[in-house]
Amino acid sequence: MANAMDITIEKLIYGGDGLAHHDGQTVFIPFVMPAERVSAGPVERKKKFVRARVERVIEPSPGRVVPRCGYFGECGGCHYQHIPAAAQLSYKVEILRETLRRIGGIEWNQAIAAHASPPWGYRNRAQWKIRAMENLQAGPPGEASAAKLGIGYFRANSTALCAVDDCAILSPLLLKTLLALRDLLDMGALPRELREVEAFCSEENAESAAGLLLTAVFAGFPSRVRELAEKIRSVAPEATSLLFQNSSGERMELFGPGFLDYEVCGVNYRVGHLSFFQVNRFLANDLAREVAANEADGQLALDLFAGVGLFSALLAKRFERVVAVESNPAAVRDLEANSLRGRAQSGGSVEVRADEAERFLHKCKERPDLVVLDPPRAGLAPGVIEKLAKLAPARITYVSCEPPTLARDLKALCASGYSIASVHLFDLFPQTFHMEAVVRLHRHS
């Protein structure tokens, strides 16, 4: 290829790419390992950088492995299947450390405690896209052929479907459900308006059977929805609750209780269709213990961006009062139910506030011993950090799934009178560049 570049990969960066330099430009290229020499073809040129793809690996890393999934590189879900699991975690530790330094100006030279997950079969939640396949099925003579519907994930950097018949990172129940839905699509038994199915499951244990929530999104609301629900349940009997909605969310129909039970650290949580919960079935207990269960006792803890109360319920065993703040209406319903459950199970008390974190902090007059922050990827609004600085809690624990915004916010918190006490990395998303960090901060005395 005339434009091919012979480059050596210097390091991996957050986002899944390797970084290299060529003719004075920075080159970003996926599916590589540090120190590999590759021939790369440019796919996008900018003034200061080039995005490229691997044409040929000239000198592979000794650690490179054969990806387990045949869709790797085509499907947009995974980024690191060519890297051994232990090496993935080591690279993520260094990426987190470098991101803290580059964006936050934080020179964290102490250990980052790394928590590994089994590399396969870990996901308890998935979103499957449903689209017409490129190849058309031949119809009867004289009739227009109809494109067969496929199920899978979007291709990398695209909204085109990568239909799959396997996914090695799914839990056994989710993989079974994916294949069952694929069979229904192959038979033409699902409406052509179906666009997405989100699945969330709990696993069978000694106390309870496996549970499954299915949320189906349609371009146009289907007719005879009760029959459709029974058809899906016939191939996915674990689906105790199904929610059908149109793409705008204006019309919904529910079949079942609307939630399932999920146990973490001995606490039984209610999780509804439209609520967020941790996706790694192996590390949920470890994460919850580190953030909440291992905390010292105290008077008052605030759990901001509380979700369904994963941390609140455990904090209630340590603190006389816990105030959980959440703005998502669906999550608030689960949070309130879990507050009642927690009181019944352990006697701990959680006060629920349906509010935005910044607005709540503006009204809060008590100084807490601890504030737990678990914001979305965008991180904290400047007003939240400003209000926290005035409230001056003794300790802050920041849970983040986005290192760049974590580094930005830690820089502001450290400038507001806090210092970092510990950094943990939880590999909640093996085979991908994503990671979860837990950072503990103490206020200067």
Protein backbone atom coordinates (compact mmCIF):
# COMPACT_ATOMS: atom_id res chain seq x y z
CA MET A 1 0.00 0.00 0.00
CA ALA A 2 1.45 3.34 -1.12
CA ASN A 3 0.46 5.17 2.06
CA ALA A 4 1.46 2.40 4.45
CA MET A 5 3.52 3.45 7.48
CA ASP A 6 6.13 1.28 9.15
CA ILE A 7 5.77 2.23 12.82
CA THR A 8 6.69 0.95 16.28
CA ILE A 9 4.06 1.14 19.01
CA GLU A 10 5.26 3.12 22.02
CA LYS A 11 2.45 2.49 24.48
CA LEU A 12 -1.29 1.91 24.92
CA ILE A 13 -3.49 4.87 25.78
CA TYR A 14 -6.98 5.22 27.21
CA GLY A 15 -9.54 4.48 24.52
CA GLY A 16 -7.99 1.23 23.28
CA ASP A 17 -5.44 2.61 20.80
CA GLY A 18 -1.72 2.24 20.64
CA LEU A 19 0.34 5.40 20.22
CA ALA A 20 3.23 5.85 17.81
CA HIS A 21 4.94 8.62 15.84
CA HIS A 22 5.65 8.88 12.13
CA ASP A 23 7.04 11.82 10.14
CA GLY A 24 6.41 14.22 13.01
CA GLN A 25 2.81 13.15 13.50
CA THR A 26 1.18 11.20 16.32
CA VAL A 27 -0.41 7.97 15.12
CA PHE A 28 -3.31 6.24 16.90
CA ILE A 29 -3.89 2.61 15.98
CA PRO A 30 -6.05 -0.11 17.59
CA PHE A 31 -5.42 -3.82 18.19
CA VAL A 32 -1.69 -3.51 18.87
CA MET A 33 0.68 -4.01 21.80
CA PRO A 34 3.62 -1.92 23.04
CA ALA A 35 6.93 -2.43 21.18
CA GLU A 36 5.25 -4.11 18.21
CA ARG A 37 6.33 -3.04 14.75
CA VAL A 38 3.44 -2.87 12.32
CA SER A 39 2.60 -1.72 8.83
CA ALA A 40 -0.36 0.64 9.19
CA GLY A 41 -2.67 2.27 6.70
CA PRO A 42 -4.08 5.73 7.48
CA VAL A 43 -7.88 6.00 7.75
CA GLU A 44 -8.04 9.63 8.92
CA ARG A 45 -5.48 12.41 8.65
CA LYS A 46 -5.54 15.57 10.73
CA LYS A 47 -2.99 18.35 11.06
CA LYS A 48 -1.31 16.87 14.13
CA PHE A 49 -2.36 13.22 14.19
CA VAL A 50 -3.29 10.23 12.06
CA ARG A 51 -5.72 7.45 12.80
CA ALA A 52 -4.66 4.19 11.22
CA ARG A 53 -5.42 0.49 11.02
CA VAL A 54 -3.05 -2.47 11.10
CA GLU A 55 -2.27 -3.85 7.65
CA ARG A 56 0.36 -6.30 8.87
CA VAL A 57 2.11 -7.07 12.16
CA ILE A 58 5.79 -7.12 11.19
CA GLU A 59 7.25 -7.86 14.61
CA PRO A 60 4.58 -9.08 17.03
CA SER A 61 4.94 -8.84 20.78
CA PRO A 62 5.99 -12.14 22.40
CA GLY A 63 2.87 -11.77 24.55
CA ARG A 64 0.37 -11.50 21.69
CA VAL A 65 -2.33 -14.20 21.76
CA VAL A 66 -4.95 -15.39 19.30
CA PRO A 67 -8.31 -13.66 20.05
CA ARG A 68 -10.91 -16.05 21.36
CA CYS A 69 -13.79 -14.43 19.45
CA GLY A 70 -14.09 -14.72 15.68
CA TYR A 71 -15.77 -11.30 15.56
CA PHE A 72 -12.90 -9.50 17.30
CA GLY A 73 -11.82 -6.48 15.30
CA GLU A 74 -15.14 -6.32 13.48
CA CYS A 75 -17.47 -6.03 16.47
CA GLY A 76 -17.01 -2.81 18.42
CA GLY A 77 -17.41 -4.41 21.85
CA CYS A 78 -13.88 -5.64 22.64
CA HIS A 79 -10.46 -4.03 22.18
CA TYR A 80 -7.91 -6.22 23.97
CA GLN A 81 -8.58 -9.88 23.10
CA HIS A 82 -5.11 -10.07 21.51
CA ILE A 83 -3.56 -9.28 24.92
CA PRO A 84 -3.35 -11.83 27.78
CA ALA A 85 -5.64 -11.01 30.70
CA ALA A 86 -2.83 -10.35 33.21
CA ALA A 87 -1.11 -8.01 30.78
CA GLN A 88 -4.39 -6.16 30.11
CA LEU A 89 -4.63 -5.36 33.81
CA SER A 90 -1.00 -4.20 33.99
CA TYR A 91 -1.50 -1.91 31.01
CA LYS A 92 -4.67 -0.48 32.56
CA VAL A 93 -2.82 0.31 35.79
CA GLU A 94 -0.21 2.28 33.86
CA ILE A 95 -2.86 4.00 31.70
CA LEU A 96 -4.68 5.11 34.86
CA ARG A 97 -1.44 6.34 36.43
CA GLU A 98 -0.48 8.27 33.30
CA THR A 99 -3.98 9.78 32.93
CA LEU A 100 -3.86 11.07 36.50
CA ARG A 101 -0.50 12.68 35.74
CA ARG A 102 -1.26 14.06 32.27
CA ILE A 103 -4.74 15.48 32.93
CA GLY A 104 -4.77 15.94 36.69
CA GLY A 105 -1.15 16.82 37.31
CA ILE A 106 -1.20 14.09 39.97
CA GLU A 107 2.09 12.24 40.44
CA TRP A 108 0.79 9.10 42.13
CA ASN A 109 3.94 7.01 42.61
CA GLN A 110 2.46 4.66 45.19
CA ALA A 111 0.82 1.34 44.37
CA ILE A 112 -2.46 1.15 42.52
CA ALA A 113 -4.30 -1.84 43.98
CA ALA A 114 -5.49 -3.91 41.00
CA HIS A 115 -8.54 -6.17 41.32
CA ALA A 116 -8.70 -8.77 38.55
CA SER A 117 -11.84 -10.36 37.13
CA PRO A 118 -12.18 -13.69 35.37
CA PRO A 119 -11.62 -12.66 31.75
CA TRP A 120 -14.64 -14.37 30.19
CA GLY A 121 -18.34 -14.81 30.96
CA TYR A 122 -18.44 -11.85 33.33
CA ARG A 123 -21.15 -9.55 31.95
CA ASN A 124 -24.59 -9.62 33.57
CA ARG A 125 -25.95 -6.86 31.29
CA ALA A 126 -25.91 -6.45 27.51
CA GLN A 127 -27.52 -4.33 24.81
CA TRP A 128 -28.18 -6.15 21.55
CA LYS A 129 -28.94 -4.26 18.37
CA ILE A 130 -31.39 -5.67 15.82
CA ARG A 131 -31.12 -4.61 12.20
CA ALA A 132 -31.77 -5.94 8.71
CA MET A 133 -28.90 -8.05 7.41
CA GLU A 134 -27.06 -6.99 4.28
CA ASN A 135 -27.88 -10.20 2.41
CA LEU A 136 -31.48 -10.56 1.34
CA GLN A 137 -33.51 -13.71 1.67
CA ALA A 138 -34.95 -14.87 -1.58
CA GLY A 139 -38.74 -14.75 -1.47
CA PRO A 140 -41.29 -16.60 -3.63
CA PRO A 141 -41.21 -15.77 -7.35
CA GLY A 142 -42.84 -12.46 -8.09
CA GLU A 143 -42.63 -11.25 -4.47
CA ALA A 144 -40.21 -8.71 -3.06
CA SER A 145 -37.56 -10.28 -0.86
CA ALA A 146 -37.26 -9.13 2.74
CA ALA A 147 -33.98 -8.57 4.52
CA LYS A 148 -33.47 -11.02 7.34
CA LEU A 149 -33.12 -9.48 10.80
CA GLY A 150 -29.89 -10.09 12.70
CA ILE A 151 -28.92 -9.52 16.32
CA GLY A 152 -25.58 -8.45 17.73
CA TYR A 153 -23.54 -5.31 18.30
CA PHE A 154 -22.51 -2.30 16.28
CA ARG A 155 -19.32 -2.61 14.29
CA ALA A 156 -16.37 -0.61 15.55
CA ASN A 157 -16.84 3.14 14.92
CA SER A 158 -20.10 2.48 13.10
CA THR A 159 -23.85 2.04 13.47
CA ALA A 160 -23.82 -0.94 11.09
CA LEU A 161 -24.74 -4.27 12.63
CA CYS A 162 -22.24 -6.99 13.40
CA ALA A 163 -24.54 -9.99 13.81
CA VAL A 164 -23.15 -12.60 16.22
CA ASP A 165 -23.90 -16.15 17.26
CA ASP A 166 -21.49 -16.09 20.20
CA CYS A 167 -20.13 -13.61 22.75
CA ALA A 168 -17.48 -14.87 25.14
CA ILE A 169 -17.79 -12.05 27.69
CA LEU A 170 -21.49 -12.72 28.41
CA SER A 171 -22.66 -14.70 31.41
CA PRO A 172 -24.02 -18.15 30.50
CA LEU A 173 -27.62 -17.00 30.95
CA LEU A 174 -27.16 -13.93 28.74
CA LEU A 175 -25.50 -15.99 26.01
CA LYS A 176 -28.35 -18.50 26.16
CA THR A 177 -30.83 -15.62 25.84
CA LEU A 178 -28.96 -14.06 22.90
CA LEU A 179 -29.07 -17.34 20.99
CA ALA A 180 -32.76 -17.84 21.80
CA LEU A 181 -33.62 -14.40 20.42
CA ARG A 182 -31.49 -15.06 17.35
CA ASP A 183 -33.50 -18.24 16.71
CA LEU A 184 -36.78 -16.29 16.94
CA LEU A 185 -35.44 -13.75 14.46
CA ASP A 186 -34.35 -16.53 12.10
CA MET A 187 -37.90 -17.87 12.16
CA GLY A 188 -39.34 -14.42 11.47
CA ALA A 189 -41.19 -14.63 14.80
CA LEU A 190 -40.29 -11.15 16.08
CA PRO A 191 -41.65 -7.83 14.76
CA ARG A 192 -39.56 -6.04 12.16
CA GLU A 193 -39.92 -2.86 14.23
CA LEU A 194 -37.72 -4.35 16.98
CA ARG A 195 -34.51 -2.31 17.26
CA GLU A 196 -32.83 -3.22 20.55
CA VAL A 197 -33.05 -5.63 23.47
CA GLU A 198 -31.35 -4.85 26.76
CA ALA A 199 -30.89 -7.83 29.06
CA PHE A 200 -29.91 -7.86 32.72
CA CYS A 201 -29.67 -11.02 34.78
CA SER A 202 -28.96 -12.40 38.19
CA GLU A 203 -27.49 -15.86 38.48
CA GLU A 204 -28.99 -18.89 40.16
CA ASN A 205 -27.72 -19.55 43.68
CA ALA A 206 -28.65 -21.65 46.67
CA GLU A 207 -31.39 -19.25 47.72
CA SER A 208 -32.96 -18.17 44.43
CA ALA A 209 -33.40 -19.07 40.77
CA ALA A 210 -31.84 -17.03 38.00
CA GLY A 211 -33.73 -13.90 37.05
CA LEU A 212 -33.77 -12.00 33.77
CA LEU A 213 -35.05 -8.56 32.78
CA LEU A 214 -35.60 -7.91 29.07
CA THR A 215 -36.27 -4.40 27.79
CA ALA A 216 -37.28 -4.32 24.12
CA VAL A 217 -37.24 -1.08 22.11
CA PHE A 218 -39.33 -0.76 18.93
CA ALA A 219 -39.33 1.81 16.13
CA GLY A 220 -43.12 1.51 16.18
CA PHE A 221 -45.06 -0.08 19.02
CA PRO A 222 -46.08 -3.63 18.05
CA SER A 223 -49.58 -5.05 18.10
CA ARG A 224 -50.60 -8.13 20.11
CA VAL A 225 -47.89 -7.44 22.67
CA ARG A 226 -49.14 -10.04 25.15
CA GLU A 227 -48.69 -12.77 22.58
CA LEU A 228 -45.23 -11.40 21.82
CA ALA A 229 -44.30 -11.51 25.51
CA GLU A 230 -45.38 -15.14 25.76
CA LYS A 231 -43.43 -15.99 22.61
CA ILE A 232 -40.25 -14.53 24.11
CA ARG A 233 -40.84 -16.27 27.42
CA SER A 234 -41.27 -19.59 25.62
CA VAL A 235 -37.58 -19.46 24.58
CA ALA A 236 -36.33 -17.44 27.56
CA PRO A 237 -38.29 -18.77 30.56
CA GLU A 238 -35.97 -17.00 33.01
CA ALA A 239 -37.41 -13.67 31.81
CA THR A 240 -39.50 -12.87 34.86
CA SER A 241 -40.12 -9.34 33.61
CA LEU A 242 -40.39 -7.84 30.12
CA LEU A 243 -40.73 -4.17 29.26
CA PHE A 244 -41.76 -3.07 25.76
CA GLN A 245 -41.31 0.56 24.76
CA ASN A 246 -41.12 2.65 21.62
CA SER A 247 -37.88 4.43 20.73
CA SER A 248 -39.05 7.73 22.23
CA GLY A 249 -39.99 6.08 25.51
CA GLU A 250 -43.44 7.64 25.36
CA ARG A 251 -45.28 4.34 25.27
CA MET A 252 -44.48 1.36 27.47
CA GLU A 253 -46.06 -1.92 28.45
CA LEU A 254 -44.81 -4.11 31.27
CA PHE A 255 -45.21 -7.86 31.70
CA GLY A 256 -44.00 -8.91 35.13
CA PRO A 257 -42.94 -7.16 38.33
CA GLY A 258 -40.57 -4.71 36.64
CA PHE A 259 -37.50 -5.71 38.65
CA LEU A 260 -35.37 -8.62 39.78
CA ASP A 261 -33.43 -9.36 42.97
CA TYR A 262 -29.64 -9.20 42.97
CA GLU A 263 -27.53 -10.11 45.99
CA VAL A 264 -24.30 -8.27 46.82
CA CYS A 265 -22.41 -8.66 50.13
CA GLY A 266 -25.39 -10.38 51.72
CA VAL A 267 -27.81 -7.57 50.80
CA ASN A 268 -30.70 -8.36 48.46
CA TYR A 269 -31.20 -5.45 46.04
CA ARG A 270 -34.16 -4.67 43.84
CA VAL A 271 -33.01 -3.62 40.34
CA GLY A 272 -35.56 -2.37 37.81
CA HIS A 273 -35.60 -2.27 34.02
CA LEU A 274 -34.42 1.32 33.69
CA SER A 275 -31.96 1.40 36.58
CA PHE A 276 -28.18 1.05 36.43
CA PHE A 277 -26.31 -1.73 38.23
CA GLN A 278 -22.73 -2.98 38.03
CA VAL A 279 -22.22 -5.23 35.00
CA ASN A 280 -19.48 -7.55 36.29
CA ARG A 281 -21.00 -10.46 38.18
CA PHE A 282 -17.64 -11.50 39.65
CA LEU A 283 -16.41 -8.18 41.10
CA ALA A 284 -19.60 -6.54 42.38
CA ASN A 285 -18.96 -7.86 45.89
CA ASP A 286 -15.31 -6.73 45.92
CA LEU A 287 -16.20 -3.26 44.65
CA ALA A 288 -18.99 -2.80 47.18
CA ARG A 289 -16.77 -3.97 50.03
CA GLU A 290 -13.98 -1.58 49.10
CA VAL A 291 -16.26 1.44 48.71
CA ALA A 292 -18.66 0.88 51.59
CA ALA A 293 -18.44 -2.28 53.68
CA ASN A 294 -14.82 -1.67 54.74
CA GLU A 295 -15.49 1.91 55.85
CA ALA A 296 -14.87 3.04 59.41
CA ASP A 297 -17.91 3.79 61.57
CA GLY A 298 -19.24 7.32 61.64
CA GLN A 299 -22.17 9.66 62.18
CA LEU A 300 -23.20 10.78 58.69
CA ALA A 301 -22.41 9.55 55.16
CA LEU A 302 -23.68 11.01 51.90
CA ASP A 303 -24.02 8.74 48.88
CA LEU A 304 -24.26 10.99 45.82
CA PHE A 305 -25.34 9.54 42.45
CA ALA A 306 -26.58 6.63 44.55
CA GLY A 307 -28.38 4.65 41.84
CA VAL A 308 -30.37 1.82 43.40
CA GLY A 309 -28.33 2.09 46.61
CA LEU A 310 -25.54 -0.45 46.11
CA PHE A 311 -23.26 1.47 48.47
CA SER A 312 -25.96 3.09 50.65
CA ALA A 313 -27.26 -0.17 52.06
CA LEU A 314 -23.76 -1.21 53.16
CA LEU A 315 -22.86 2.22 54.51
CA ALA A 316 -25.98 2.05 56.67
CA LYS A 317 -24.31 -0.75 58.63
CA ARG A 318 -21.43 1.61 59.49
CA PHE A 319 -23.02 5.04 59.92
CA GLU A 320 -25.77 6.29 62.16
CA ARG A 321 -27.28 8.15 59.19
CA VAL A 322 -26.88 7.69 55.46
CA VAL A 323 -28.42 10.08 52.95
CA ALA A 324 -28.64 8.71 49.39
CA VAL A 325 -29.13 11.22 46.58
CA GLU A 326 -30.32 10.19 43.11
CA SER A 327 -32.08 12.08 40.32
CA ASN A 328 -33.17 9.27 37.96
CA PRO A 329 -36.85 8.51 38.72
CA ALA A 330 -36.58 4.80 37.93
CA ALA A 331 -33.50 4.41 40.13
CA VAL A 332 -35.16 6.41 42.92
CA ARG A 333 -38.03 3.90 43.02
CA ASP A 334 -35.54 1.06 43.45
CA LEU A 335 -33.51 3.09 45.93
CA GLU A 336 -36.56 3.66 48.12
CA ALA A 337 -37.48 -0.02 47.99
CA ASN A 338 -33.91 -1.02 48.84
CA SER A 339 -33.87 1.43 51.73
CA LEU A 340 -36.87 -0.37 53.21
CA ARG A 341 -35.30 -3.75 52.52
CA GLY A 342 -32.06 -2.70 54.17
CA ARG A 343 -33.87 -1.52 57.27
CA ALA A 344 -35.66 -4.87 57.49
CA GLN A 345 -32.51 -6.93 56.82
CA SER A 346 -29.90 -5.12 58.90
CA GLY A 347 -31.64 -2.31 60.75
CA GLY A 348 -29.61 0.32 58.93
CA SER A 349 -31.35 3.52 57.92
CA VAL A 350 -31.02 5.22 54.51
CA GLU A 351 -32.72 8.54 53.85
CA VAL A 352 -33.56 8.92 50.16
CA ARG A 353 -33.42 12.29 48.40
CA ALA A 354 -34.73 12.48 44.83
CA ASP A 355 -32.57 15.37 43.73
CA GLU A 356 -29.60 16.50 41.65
CA ALA A 357 -26.32 16.25 43.57
CA GLU A 358 -25.44 19.93 43.17
CA ARG A 359 -28.85 21.14 44.27
CA PHE A 360 -28.83 18.81 47.28
CA LEU A 361 -25.37 19.98 48.35
CA HIS A 362 -26.51 23.60 48.10
CA LYS A 363 -29.20 22.84 50.70
CA CYS A 364 -27.09 20.56 52.91
CA LYS A 365 -25.94 22.20 56.15
CA GLU A 366 -24.44 19.23 58.00
CA ARG A 367 -20.81 18.26 57.65
CA PRO A 368 -20.60 14.54 56.80
CA ASP A 369 -17.84 12.18 57.84
CA LEU A 370 -17.85 10.64 54.35
CA VAL A 371 -19.11 11.48 50.88
CA VAL A 372 -19.24 8.74 48.24
CA LEU A 373 -19.28 9.97 44.64
CA ASP A 374 -20.21 7.67 41.74
CA PRO A 375 -21.00 10.08 38.90
CA PRO A 376 -21.65 9.24 35.23
CA ARG A 377 -18.82 9.35 32.68
CA ALA A 378 -19.02 13.13 32.43
CA GLY A 379 -17.81 13.37 36.04
CA LEU A 380 -18.67 16.15 38.48
CA ALA A 381 -20.10 19.52 37.56
CA PRO A 382 -17.92 22.40 38.84
CA GLY A 383 -20.71 23.37 41.22
CA VAL A 384 -20.55 19.98 42.96
CA ILE A 385 -16.84 20.36 43.67
CA GLU A 386 -17.36 23.92 44.89
CA LYS A 387 -20.14 22.83 47.28
CA LEU A 388 -18.08 19.87 48.54
CA ALA A 389 -15.18 22.18 49.32
CA LYS A 390 -17.48 24.36 51.44
CA LEU A 391 -19.11 21.37 53.12
CA ALA A 392 -15.62 19.98 53.91
CA PRO A 393 -16.35 16.29 54.61
CA ALA A 394 -13.52 14.49 56.39
CA ARG A 395 -13.30 11.83 53.67
CA ILE A 396 -14.36 11.46 50.04
CA THR A 397 -14.46 8.23 48.06
CA TYR A 398 -14.68 8.77 44.30
CA VAL A 399 -15.85 5.88 42.09
CA SER A 400 -15.22 6.47 38.39
CA CYS A 401 -15.55 4.60 35.10
CA GLU A 402 -13.83 7.39 33.10
CA PRO A 403 -10.18 8.13 34.02
CA PRO A 404 -9.94 11.48 32.15
CA THR A 405 -12.85 13.08 34.04
CA LEU A 406 -11.68 11.43 37.26
CA ALA A 407 -8.25 13.05 36.84
CA ARG A 408 -9.81 16.44 36.11
CA ASP A 409 -12.04 16.25 39.21
CA LEU A 410 -9.27 14.96 41.48
CA LYS A 411 -7.15 17.94 40.47
CA ALA A 412 -9.93 20.28 41.62
CA LEU A 413 -10.57 18.34 44.84
CA CYS A 414 -6.87 18.32 45.73
CA ALA A 415 -6.80 22.08 45.17
CA SER A 416 -9.75 22.33 47.58
CA GLY A 417 -7.95 20.84 50.56
CA TYR A 418 -7.83 17.09 49.93
CA SER A 419 -5.05 14.60 49.40
CA ILE A 420 -5.25 11.13 47.87
CA ALA A 421 -4.93 8.27 50.34
CA SER A 422 -5.32 5.26 48.01
CA VAL A 423 -6.11 4.30 44.42
CA HIS A 424 -7.79 1.05 43.37
CA LEU A 425 -8.45 -0.25 39.87
CA PHE A 426 -11.23 -2.79 39.35
CA ASP A 427 -11.09 -4.59 36.01
CA LEU A 428 -14.85 -4.71 35.58
CA PHE A 429 -14.56 -4.87 31.80
CA PRO A 430 -11.91 -7.41 30.67
CA GLN A 431 -11.14 -7.51 26.93
CA THR A 432 -12.01 -3.79 26.68
CA PHE A 433 -10.15 -0.57 27.48
CA HIS A 434 -12.75 0.37 30.12
CA MET A 435 -11.93 0.29 33.82
CA GLU A 436 -13.35 1.30 37.19
CA ALA A 437 -11.27 3.30 39.66
CA VAL A 438 -11.89 3.93 43.36
CA VAL A 439 -9.95 6.80 44.91
CA ARG A 440 -10.03 7.66 48.60
CA LEU A 441 -9.32 11.24 49.65
CA HIS A 442 -8.72 12.71 53.12
CA ARG A 443 -9.12 16.33 54.05
CA HIS A 444 -5.96 18.06 55.26
CA SER A 445 -5.95 18.52 59.01
